[in-house]
PDB file of N, CA and C in Angstrom:
ATOM      1  N   MET A   1      30.777 -32.108 -20.401  1.00  0.00           N
ATOM      2  CA  MET A   1      29.667 -33.025 -20.411  1.00  0.00           C
ATOM      3  C   MET A   1      28.361 -32.237 -20.531  1.00  0.00           C
ATOM      4  N   ALA A   2      27.479 -32.654 -21.378  1.00  0.00           N
ATOM      5  CA  ALA A   2      26.228 -31.963 -21.634  1.00  0.00           C
ATOM      6  C   ALA A   2      25.255 -32.185 -20.483  1.00  0.00           C
ATOM      7  N   ARG A   3      24.470 -31.157 -20.241  1.00  0.00           N
ATOM      8  CA  ARG A   3      23.458 -31.267 -19.189  1.00  0.00           C
ATOM      9  C   ARG A   3      22.271 -32.054 -19.721  1.00  0.00           C
ATOM     10  N   SER A   4      21.674 -32.810 -18.833  1.00  0.00           N
ATOM     11  CA  SER A   4      20.497 -33.576 -19.243  1.00  0.00           C
ATOM     12  C   SER A   4      19.299 -32.633 -19.363  1.00  0.00           C
ATOM     13  N   ILE A   5      18.291 -33.107 -20.022  1.00  0.00           N
ATOM     14  CA  ILE A   5      17.072 -32.310 -20.166  1.00  0.00           C
ATOM     15  C   ILE A   5      16.476 -32.010 -18.790  1.00  0.00           C
ATOM     16  N   ASP A   6      16.500 -32.987 -17.899  1.00  0.00           N
ATOM     17  CA  ASP A   6      15.975 -32.772 -16.543  1.00  0.00           C
ATOM     18  C   ASP A   6      16.756 -31.675 -15.820  1.00  0.00           C
ATOM     19  N   GLN A   7      18.076 -31.646 -15.997  1.00  0.00           N
ATOM     20  CA  GLN A   7      18.897 -30.605 -15.373  1.00  0.00           C
ATOM     21  C   GLN A   7      18.550 -29.234 -15.958  1.00  0.00           C
ATOM     22  N   GLN A   8      18.373 -29.190 -17.275  1.00  0.00           N
ATOM     23  CA  GLN A   8      18.035 -27.927 -17.928  1.00  0.00           C
ATOM     24  C   GLN A   8      16.673 -27.420 -17.444  1.00  0.00           C
ATOM     25  N   ILE A   9      15.727 -28.332 -17.303  1.00  0.00           N
ATOM     26  CA  ILE A   9      14.395 -27.957 -16.804  1.00  0.00           C
ATOM     27  C   ILE A   9      14.513 -27.425 -15.378  1.00  0.00           C
ATOM     28  N   ALA A  10      15.260 -28.115 -14.528  1.00  0.00           N
ATOM     29  CA  ALA A  10      15.418 -27.699 -13.138  1.00  0.00           C
ATOM     30  C   ALA A  10      16.077 -26.319 -13.053  1.00  0.00           C
ATOM     31  N   GLU A  11      17.093 -26.089 -13.872  1.00  0.00           N
ATOM     32  CA  GLU A  11      17.772 -24.793 -13.870  1.00  0.00           C
ATOM     33  C   GLU A  11      16.835 -23.683 -14.350  1.00  0.00           C
ATOM     34  N   THR A  12      16.053 -23.981 -15.365  1.00  0.00           N
ATOM     35  CA  THR A  12      15.106 -22.991 -15.897  1.00  0.00           C
ATOM     36  C   THR A  12      14.019 -22.690 -14.875  1.00  0.00           C
ATOM     37  N   GLN A  13      13.537 -23.722 -14.186  1.00  0.00           N
ATOM     38  CA  GLN A  13      12.525 -23.507 -13.152  1.00  0.00           C
ATOM     39  C   GLN A  13      13.083 -22.683 -11.993  1.00  0.00           C
ATOM     40  N   ALA A  14      14.333 -22.940 -11.639  1.00  0.00           N
ATOM     41  CA  ALA A  14      14.968 -22.177 -10.562  1.00  0.00           C
ATOM     42  C   ALA A  14      15.126 -20.714 -10.974  1.00  0.00           C
ATOM     43  N   LYS A  15      15.512 -20.485 -12.230  1.00  0.00           N
ATOM     44  CA  LYS A  15      15.657 -19.123 -12.734  1.00  0.00           C
ATOM     45  C   LYS A  15      14.304 -18.419 -12.734  1.00  0.00           C
ATOM     46  N   LEU A  16      13.260 -19.102 -13.163  1.00  0.00           N
ATOM     47  CA  LEU A  16      11.910 -18.533 -13.169  1.00  0.00           C
ATOM     48  C   LEU A  16      11.467 -18.169 -11.750  1.00  0.00           C
ATOM     49  N   ALA A  17      11.758 -19.044 -10.806  1.00  0.00           N
ATOM     50  CA  ALA A  17      11.404 -18.772  -9.405  1.00  0.00           C
ATOM     51  C   ALA A  17      12.128 -17.531  -8.896  1.00  0.00           C
ATOM     52  N   ARG A  18      13.405 -17.371  -9.250  1.00  0.00           N
ATOM     53  CA  ARG A  18      14.160 -16.176  -8.838  1.00  0.00           C
ATOM     54  C   ARG A  18      13.578 -14.921  -9.468  1.00  0.00           C
ATOM     55  N   LEU A  19      13.195 -14.999 -10.730  1.00  0.00           N
ATOM     56  CA  LEU A  19      12.599 -13.845 -11.418  1.00  0.00           C
ATOM     57  C   LEU A  19      11.258 -13.467 -10.796  1.00  0.00           C
ATOM     58  N   LYS A  20      10.448 -14.462 -10.462  1.00  0.00           N
ATOM     59  CA  LYS A  20       9.163 -14.194  -9.819  1.00  0.00           C
ATOM     60  C   LYS A  20       9.367 -13.544  -8.454  1.00  0.00           C
ATOM     61  N   GLN A  21      10.381 -13.999  -7.735  1.00  0.00           N
ATOM     62  CA  GLN A  21      10.682 -13.436  -6.427  1.00  0.00           C
ATOM     63  C   GLN A  21      11.118 -11.970  -6.571  1.00  0.00           C
ATOM     64  N   ARG A  22      11.950 -11.681  -7.572  1.00  0.00           N
ATOM     65  CA  ARG A  22      12.373 -10.296  -7.820  1.00  0.00           C
ATOM     66  C   ARG A  22      11.180  -9.427  -8.201  1.00  0.00           C
ATOM     67  N   GLN A  23      10.278  -9.971  -9.019  1.00  0.00           N
ATOM     68  CA  GLN A  23       9.095  -9.223  -9.425  1.00  0.00           C
ATOM     69  C   GLN A  23       8.219  -8.896  -8.217  1.00  0.00           C
ATOM     70  N   LYS A  24       8.028  -9.865  -7.353  1.00  0.00           N
ATOM     71  CA  LYS A  24       7.212  -9.647  -6.151  1.00  0.00           C
ATOM     72  C   LYS A  24       7.852  -8.597  -5.240  1.00  0.00           C
ATOM     73  N   ALA A  25       9.167  -8.655  -5.081  1.00  0.00           N
ATOM     74  CA  ALA A  25       9.872  -7.673  -4.257  1.00  0.00           C
ATOM     75  C   ALA A  25       9.730  -6.275  -4.856  1.00  0.00           C
ATOM     76  N   SER A  26       9.807  -6.177  -6.168  1.00  0.00           N
ATOM     77  CA  SER A  26       9.654  -4.892  -6.845  1.00  0.00           C
ATOM     78  C   SER A  26       8.244  -4.341  -6.648  1.00  0.00           C
ATOM     79  N   GLU A  27       7.236  -5.184  -6.768  1.00  0.00           N
ATOM     80  CA  GLU A  27       5.851  -4.757  -6.548  1.00  0.00           C
ATOM     81  C   GLU A  27       5.649  -4.292  -5.108  1.00  0.00           C
ATOM     82  N   THR A  28       6.250  -4.999  -4.169  1.00  0.00           N
ATOM     83  CA  THR A  28       6.133  -4.625  -2.759  1.00  0.00           C
ATOM     84  C   THR A  28       6.786  -3.270  -2.517  1.00  0.00           C
ATOM     85  N   ARG A  29       7.967  -3.051  -3.092  1.00  0.00           N
ATOM     86  CA  ARG A  29       8.644  -1.753  -2.942  1.00  0.00           C
ATOM     87  C   ARG A  29       7.782  -0.629  -3.494  1.00  0.00           C
ATOM     88  N   ARG A  30       7.182  -0.859  -4.666  1.00  0.00           N
ATOM     89  CA  ARG A  30       6.310   0.159  -5.272  1.00  0.00           C
ATOM     90  C   ARG A  30       5.139   0.485  -4.347  1.00  0.00           C
ATOM     91  N   LYS A  31       4.528  -0.533  -3.770  1.00  0.00           N
ATOM     92  CA  LYS A  31       3.395  -0.313  -2.872  1.00  0.00           C
ATOM     93  C   LYS A  31       3.815   0.500  -1.648  1.00  0.00           C
ATOM     94  N   ILE A  32       4.972   0.205  -1.125  1.00  0.00           N
ATOM     95  CA  ILE A  32       5.474   0.926   0.044  1.00  0.00           C
ATOM     96  C   ILE A  32       5.723   2.391  -0.308  1.00  0.00           C
ATOM     97  N   ILE A  33       6.350   2.631  -1.444  1.00  0.00           N
ATOM     98  CA  ILE A  33       6.648   4.001  -1.868  1.00  0.00           C
ATOM     99  C   ILE A  33       5.359   4.782  -2.100  1.00  0.00           C
ATOM    100  N   VAL A  34       4.442   4.199  -2.848  1.00  0.00           N
ATOM    101  CA  VAL A  34       3.175   4.885  -3.146  1.00  0.00           C
ATOM    102  C   VAL A  34       2.395   5.127  -1.862  1.00  0.00           C
ATOM    103  N   GLY A  35       2.328   4.135  -1.002  1.00  0.00           N
ATOM    104  CA  GLY A  35       1.621   4.293   0.264  1.00  0.00           C
ATOM    105  C   GLY A  35       2.212   5.403   1.111  1.00  0.00           C
ATOM    106  N   SER A  36       3.523   5.470   1.149  1.00  0.00           N
ATOM    107  CA  SER A  36       4.194   6.505   1.921  1.00  0.00           C
ATOM    108  C   SER A  36       3.872   7.896   1.390  1.00  0.00           C
ATOM    109  N   VAL A  37       3.894   8.047   0.071  1.00  0.00           N
ATOM    110  CA  VAL A  37       3.580   9.338  -0.540  1.00  0.00           C
ATOM    111  C   VAL A  37       2.127   9.717  -0.272  1.00  0.00           C
ATOM    112  N   VAL A  38       1.219   8.774  -0.427  1.00  0.00           N
ATOM    113  CA  VAL A  38      -0.202   9.050  -0.233  1.00  0.00           C
ATOM    114  C   VAL A  38      -0.480   9.434   1.217  1.00  0.00           C
ATOM    115  N   ILE A  39       0.054   8.688   2.154  1.00  0.00           N
ATOM    116  CA  ILE A  39      -0.171   8.985   3.568  1.00  0.00           C
ATOM    117  C   ILE A  39       0.413  10.344   3.933  1.00  0.00           C
ATOM    118  N   SER A  40       1.641  10.592   3.523  1.00  0.00           N
ATOM    119  CA  SER A  40       2.291  11.862   3.834  1.00  0.00           C
ATOM    120  C   SER A  40       1.492  13.034   3.287  1.00  0.00           C
ATOM    121  N   ASN A  41       1.036  12.909   2.055  1.00  0.00           N
ATOM    122  CA  ASN A  41       0.252  13.966   1.427  1.00  0.00           C
ATOM    123  C   ASN A  41      -1.080  14.147   2.128  1.00  0.00           C
ATOM    124  N   ALA A  42      -1.740  13.056   2.459  1.00  0.00           N
ATOM    125  CA  ALA A  42      -3.047  13.131   3.108  1.00  0.00           C
ATOM    126  C   ALA A  42      -2.941  13.785   4.482  1.00  0.00           C
ATOM    127  N   LEU A  43      -1.875  13.533   5.202  1.00  0.00           N
ATOM    128  CA  LEU A  43      -1.724  14.119   6.532  1.00  0.00           C
ATOM    129  C   LEU A  43      -1.520  15.631   6.469  1.00  0.00           C
ATOM    130  N   LYS A  44      -1.150  16.136   5.297  1.00  0.00           N
ATOM    131  CA  LYS A  44      -0.938  17.576   5.123  1.00  0.00           C
ATOM    132  C   LYS A  44      -2.149  18.290   4.544  1.00  0.00           C
ATOM    133  N   GLU A  45      -3.066  17.541   3.934  1.00  0.00           N
ATOM    134  CA  GLU A  45      -4.215  18.153   3.272  1.00  0.00           C
ATOM    135  C   GLU A  45      -5.509  17.541   3.802  1.00  0.00           C
ATOM    136  N   PRO A  46      -6.283  18.328   4.533  1.00  0.00           N
ATOM    137  CA  PRO A  46      -7.483  17.814   5.210  1.00  0.00           C
ATOM    138  C   PRO A  46      -8.460  17.051   4.311  1.00  0.00           C
ATOM    139  N   GLU A  47      -8.727  17.560   3.128  1.00  0.00           N
ATOM    140  CA  GLU A  47      -9.674  16.869   2.245  1.00  0.00           C
ATOM    141  C   GLU A  47      -9.147  15.492   1.850  1.00  0.00           C
ATOM    142  N   LYS A  48      -7.861  15.417   1.600  1.00  0.00           N
ATOM    143  CA  LYS A  48      -7.270  14.125   1.248  1.00  0.00           C
ATOM    144  C   LYS A  48      -7.250  13.198   2.461  1.00  0.00           C
ATOM    145  N   ALA A  49      -7.063  13.768   3.642  1.00  0.00           N
ATOM    146  CA  ALA A  49      -7.095  12.968   4.872  1.00  0.00           C
ATOM    147  C   ALA A  49      -8.486  12.357   5.057  1.00  0.00           C
ATOM    148  N   ARG A  50      -9.518  13.168   4.850  1.00  0.00           N
ATOM    149  CA  ARG A  50     -10.894  12.661   4.959  1.00  0.00           C
ATOM    150  C   ARG A  50     -11.139  11.538   3.954  1.00  0.00           C
ATOM    151  N   ALA A  51     -10.714  11.789   2.725  1.00  0.00           N
ATOM    152  CA  ALA A  51     -10.956  10.810   1.658  1.00  0.00           C
ATOM    153  C   ALA A  51     -10.210   9.503   1.925  1.00  0.00           C
ATOM    154  N   LEU A  52      -8.957   9.597   2.354  1.00  0.00           N
ATOM    155  CA  LEU A  52      -8.182   8.382   2.612  1.00  0.00           C
ATOM    156  C   LEU A  52      -8.750   7.615   3.799  1.00  0.00           C
ATOM    157  N   ALA A  53      -9.121   8.313   4.849  1.00  0.00           N
ATOM    158  CA  ALA A  53      -9.719   7.640   6.010  1.00  0.00           C
ATOM    159  C   ALA A  53     -11.002   6.918   5.607  1.00  0.00           C
ATOM    160  N   ALA A  54     -11.825   7.583   4.810  1.00  0.00           N
ATOM    161  CA  ALA A  54     -13.077   6.962   4.349  1.00  0.00           C
ATOM    162  C   ALA A  54     -12.792   5.743   3.479  1.00  0.00           C
ATOM    163  N   LEU A  55     -11.833   5.865   2.593  1.00  0.00           N
ATOM    164  CA  LEU A  55     -11.465   4.739   1.731  1.00  0.00           C
ATOM    165  C   LEU A  55     -10.965   3.553   2.560  1.00  0.00           C
ATOM    166  N   LEU A  56     -10.116   3.819   3.521  1.00  0.00           N
ATOM    167  CA  LEU A  56      -9.584   2.736   4.355  1.00  0.00           C
ATOM    168  C   LEU A  56     -10.695   2.065   5.163  1.00  0.00           C
ATOM    169  N   ARG A  57     -11.599   2.867   5.701  1.00  0.00           N
ATOM    170  CA  ARG A  57     -12.710   2.282   6.464  1.00  0.00           C
ATOM    171  C   ARG A  57     -13.585   1.390   5.579  1.00  0.00           C
ATOM    172  N   ARG A  58     -13.770   1.821   4.343  1.00  0.00           N
ATOM    173  CA  ARG A  58     -14.636   1.093   3.421  1.00  0.00           C
ATOM    174  C   ARG A  58     -13.929  -0.138   2.823  1.00  0.00           C
ATOM    175  N   ALA A  59     -12.667  -0.002   2.477  1.00  0.00           N
ATOM    176  CA  ALA A  59     -11.986  -1.039   1.699  1.00  0.00           C
ATOM    177  C   ALA A  59     -11.276  -2.099   2.534  1.00  0.00           C
ATOM    178  N   VAL A  60     -10.860  -1.743   3.724  1.00  0.00           N
ATOM    179  CA  VAL A  60     -10.119  -2.697   4.555  1.00  0.00           C
ATOM    180  C   VAL A  60     -11.137  -3.478   5.378  1.00  0.00           C
ATOM    181  N   THR A  61     -11.295  -4.749   5.048  1.00  0.00           N
ATOM    182  CA  THR A  61     -12.361  -5.543   5.666  1.00  0.00           C
ATOM    183  C   THR A  61     -11.843  -6.599   6.647  1.00  0.00           C
ATOM    184  N   ARG A  62     -10.603  -6.998   6.495  1.00  0.00           N
ATOM    185  CA  ARG A  62     -10.069  -8.010   7.418  1.00  0.00           C
ATOM    186  C   ARG A  62      -9.793  -7.371   8.780  1.00  0.00           C
ATOM    187  N   GLU A  63     -10.244  -8.034   9.832  1.00  0.00           N
ATOM    188  CA  GLU A  63     -10.095  -7.497  11.179  1.00  0.00           C
ATOM    189  C   GLU A  63      -8.629  -7.249  11.541  1.00  0.00           C
ATOM    190  N   VAL A  64      -7.758  -8.156  11.175  1.00  0.00           N
ATOM    191  CA  VAL A  64      -6.334  -8.003  11.498  1.00  0.00           C
ATOM    192  C   VAL A  64      -5.756  -6.764  10.806  1.00  0.00           C
ATOM    193  N   ASP A  65      -6.205  -6.486   9.582  1.00  0.00           N
ATOM    194  CA  ASP A  65      -5.736  -5.302   8.863  1.00  0.00           C
ATOM    195  C   ASP A  65      -6.328  -4.034   9.471  1.00  0.00           C
ATOM    196  N   GLN A  66      -7.586  -4.087   9.863  1.00  0.00           N
ATOM    197  CA  GLN A  66      -8.230  -2.940  10.499  1.00  0.00           C
ATOM    198  C   GLN A  66      -7.504  -2.555  11.780  1.00  0.00           C
ATOM    199  N   LYS A  67      -7.125  -3.547  12.569  1.00  0.00           N
ATOM    200  CA  LYS A  67      -6.414  -3.283  13.818  1.00  0.00           C
ATOM    201  C   LYS A  67      -5.072  -2.608  13.534  1.00  0.00           C
ATOM    202  N   GLU A  68      -4.421  -3.018  12.467  1.00  0.00           N
ATOM    203  CA  GLU A  68      -3.121  -2.439  12.099  1.00  0.00           C
ATOM    204  C   GLU A  68      -3.248  -0.970  11.706  1.00  0.00           C
ATOM    205  N   LEU A  69      -4.411  -0.583  11.187  1.00  0.00           N
ATOM    206  CA  LEU A  69      -4.604   0.773  10.664  1.00  0.00           C
ATOM    207  C   LEU A  69      -5.268   1.736  11.636  1.00  0.00           C
ATOM    208  N   VAL A  70      -5.597   1.282  12.834  1.00  0.00           N
ATOM    209  CA  VAL A  70      -6.304   2.138  13.799  1.00  0.00           C
ATOM    210  C   VAL A  70      -5.567   3.458  14.025  1.00  0.00           C
ATOM    211  N   GLY A  71      -4.293   3.401  14.301  1.00  0.00           N
ATOM    212  CA  GLY A  71      -3.515   4.617  14.573  1.00  0.00           C
ATOM    213  C   GLY A  71      -3.460   5.545  13.374  1.00  0.00           C
ATOM    214  N   LEU A  72      -3.275   4.990  12.203  1.00  0.00           N
ATOM    215  CA  LEU A  72      -3.223   5.803  10.988  1.00  0.00           C
ATOM    216  C   LEU A  72      -4.560   6.499  10.752  1.00  0.00           C
ATOM    217  N   ILE A  73      -5.646   5.767  10.888  1.00  0.00           N
ATOM    218  CA  ILE A  73      -6.967   6.364  10.671  1.00  0.00           C
ATOM    219  C   ILE A  73      -7.229   7.467  11.693  1.00  0.00           C
ATOM    220  N   GLU A  74      -6.798   7.259  12.926  1.00  0.00           N
ATOM    221  CA  GLU A  74      -6.931   8.318  13.939  1.00  0.00           C
ATOM    222  C   GLU A  74      -6.126   9.550  13.529  1.00  0.00           C
ATOM    223  N   ASP A  75      -4.911   9.351  13.030  1.00  0.00           N
ATOM    224  CA  ASP A  75      -4.082  10.470  12.568  1.00  0.00           C
ATOM    225  C   ASP A  75      -4.755  11.202  11.402  1.00  0.00           C
ATOM    226  N   LEU A  76      -5.336  10.442  10.476  1.00  0.00           N
ATOM    227  CA  LEU A  76      -6.022  11.052   9.336  1.00  0.00           C
ATOM    228  C   LEU A  76      -7.243  11.840   9.803  1.00  0.00           C
ATOM    229  N   ASP A  77      -7.998  11.277  10.745  1.00  0.00           N
ATOM    230  CA  ASP A  77      -9.157  11.983  11.294  1.00  0.00           C
ATOM    231  C   ASP A  77      -8.721  13.285  11.967  1.00  0.00           C
ATOM    232  N   GLN A  78      -7.621  13.227  12.693  1.00  0.00           N
ATOM    233  CA  GLN A  78      -7.102  14.424  13.362  1.00  0.00           C
ATOM    234  C   GLN A  78      -6.675  15.468  12.334  1.00  0.00           C
ATOM    235  N   ALA A  79      -6.003  15.034  11.267  1.00  0.00           N
ATOM    236  CA  ALA A  79      -5.584  15.965  10.216  1.00  0.00           C
ATOM    237  C   ALA A  79      -6.798  16.594   9.541  1.00  0.00           C
ATOM    238  N   ALA A  80      -7.844  15.823   9.345  1.00  0.00           N
ATOM    239  CA  ALA A  80      -9.061  16.342   8.727  1.00  0.00           C
ATOM    240  C   ALA A  80      -9.772  17.305   9.670  1.00  0.00           C
ATOM    241  N   ALA A  81      -9.762  17.024  10.959  1.00  0.00           N
ATOM    242  CA  ALA A  81     -10.441  17.867  11.944  1.00  0.00           C
ATOM    243  C   ALA A  81      -9.723  19.196  12.142  1.00  0.00           C
ATOM    244  N   ASN A  82      -8.424  19.227  11.876  1.00  0.00           N
ATOM    245  CA  ASN A  82      -7.647  20.455  12.055  1.00  0.00           C
ATOM    246  C   ASN A  82      -7.856  21.446  10.920  1.00  0.00           C
ATOM    247  N   ALA A  83      -8.663  21.086   9.957  1.00  0.00           N
ATOM    248  CA  ALA A  83      -8.914  21.967   8.815  1.00  0.00           C
ATOM    249  C   ALA A  83      -9.782  23.133   9.246  1.00  0.00           C
ATOM    250  N   ALA A  84      -9.576  24.224   8.581  1.00  0.00           N
ATOM    251  CA  ALA A  84     -10.438  25.390   8.818  1.00  0.00           C
ATOM    252  C   ALA A  84     -11.830  25.046   8.342  1.00  0.00           C
ATOM    253  N   PRO A  85     -12.842  25.527   9.025  1.00  0.00           N
ATOM    254  CA  PRO A  85     -14.223  25.232   8.592  1.00  0.00           C
ATOM    255  C   PRO A  85     -14.457  25.745   7.180  1.00  0.00           C
ATOM    256  N   ARG A  86     -15.251  24.993   6.434  1.00  0.00           N
ATOM    257  CA  ARG A  86     -15.567  25.394   5.062  1.00  0.00           C
ATOM    258  C   ARG A  86     -16.522  26.586   5.092  1.00  0.00           C
ATOM    259  N   GLU A  87     -16.346  27.476   4.109  1.00  0.00           N
ATOM    260  CA  GLU A  87     -17.247  28.619   4.007  1.00  0.00           C
ATOM    261  C   GLU A  87     -18.513  28.188   3.309  1.00  0.00           C
ATOM    262  N   ASP A  88     -19.628  28.775   3.715  1.00  0.00           N
ATOM    263  CA  ASP A  88     -20.904  28.503   3.059  1.00  0.00           C
ATOM    264  C   ASP A  88     -20.936  29.286   1.758  1.00  0.00           C
ATOM    265  N   ARG A  89     -21.125  28.552   0.654  1.00  0.00           N
ATOM    266  CA  ARG A  89     -21.085  29.194  -0.662  1.00  0.00           C
ATOM    267  C   ARG A  89     -22.468  29.425  -1.231  1.00  0.00           C
ATOM    268  N   SER A  90     -23.478  29.502  -0.423  1.00  0.00           N
ATOM    269  CA  SER A  90     -24.839  29.683  -0.954  1.00  0.00           C
ATOM    270  C   SER A  90     -25.150  31.122  -1.223  1.00  0.00           C
TER     271      SER A  90
END
């Protein structure tokens, strides 16, 4: 028995919804991976730690997000502070 047009539309919409869900999950995974690499690298390199902490302070504006990042920003500040003092190049 042939499917009605309404059934075909419903099936296509369901397939589209599944594809969108997979796309969103893939984007989320990418963000997690990139974030992990950036944080790990920044914690090892003082200049990058300073830059990332400054970026987070400037770019993260929602209070709930700021509260979530307090510990990370403290860790980045500590990594930046542990750097050897810069030499005067004058």
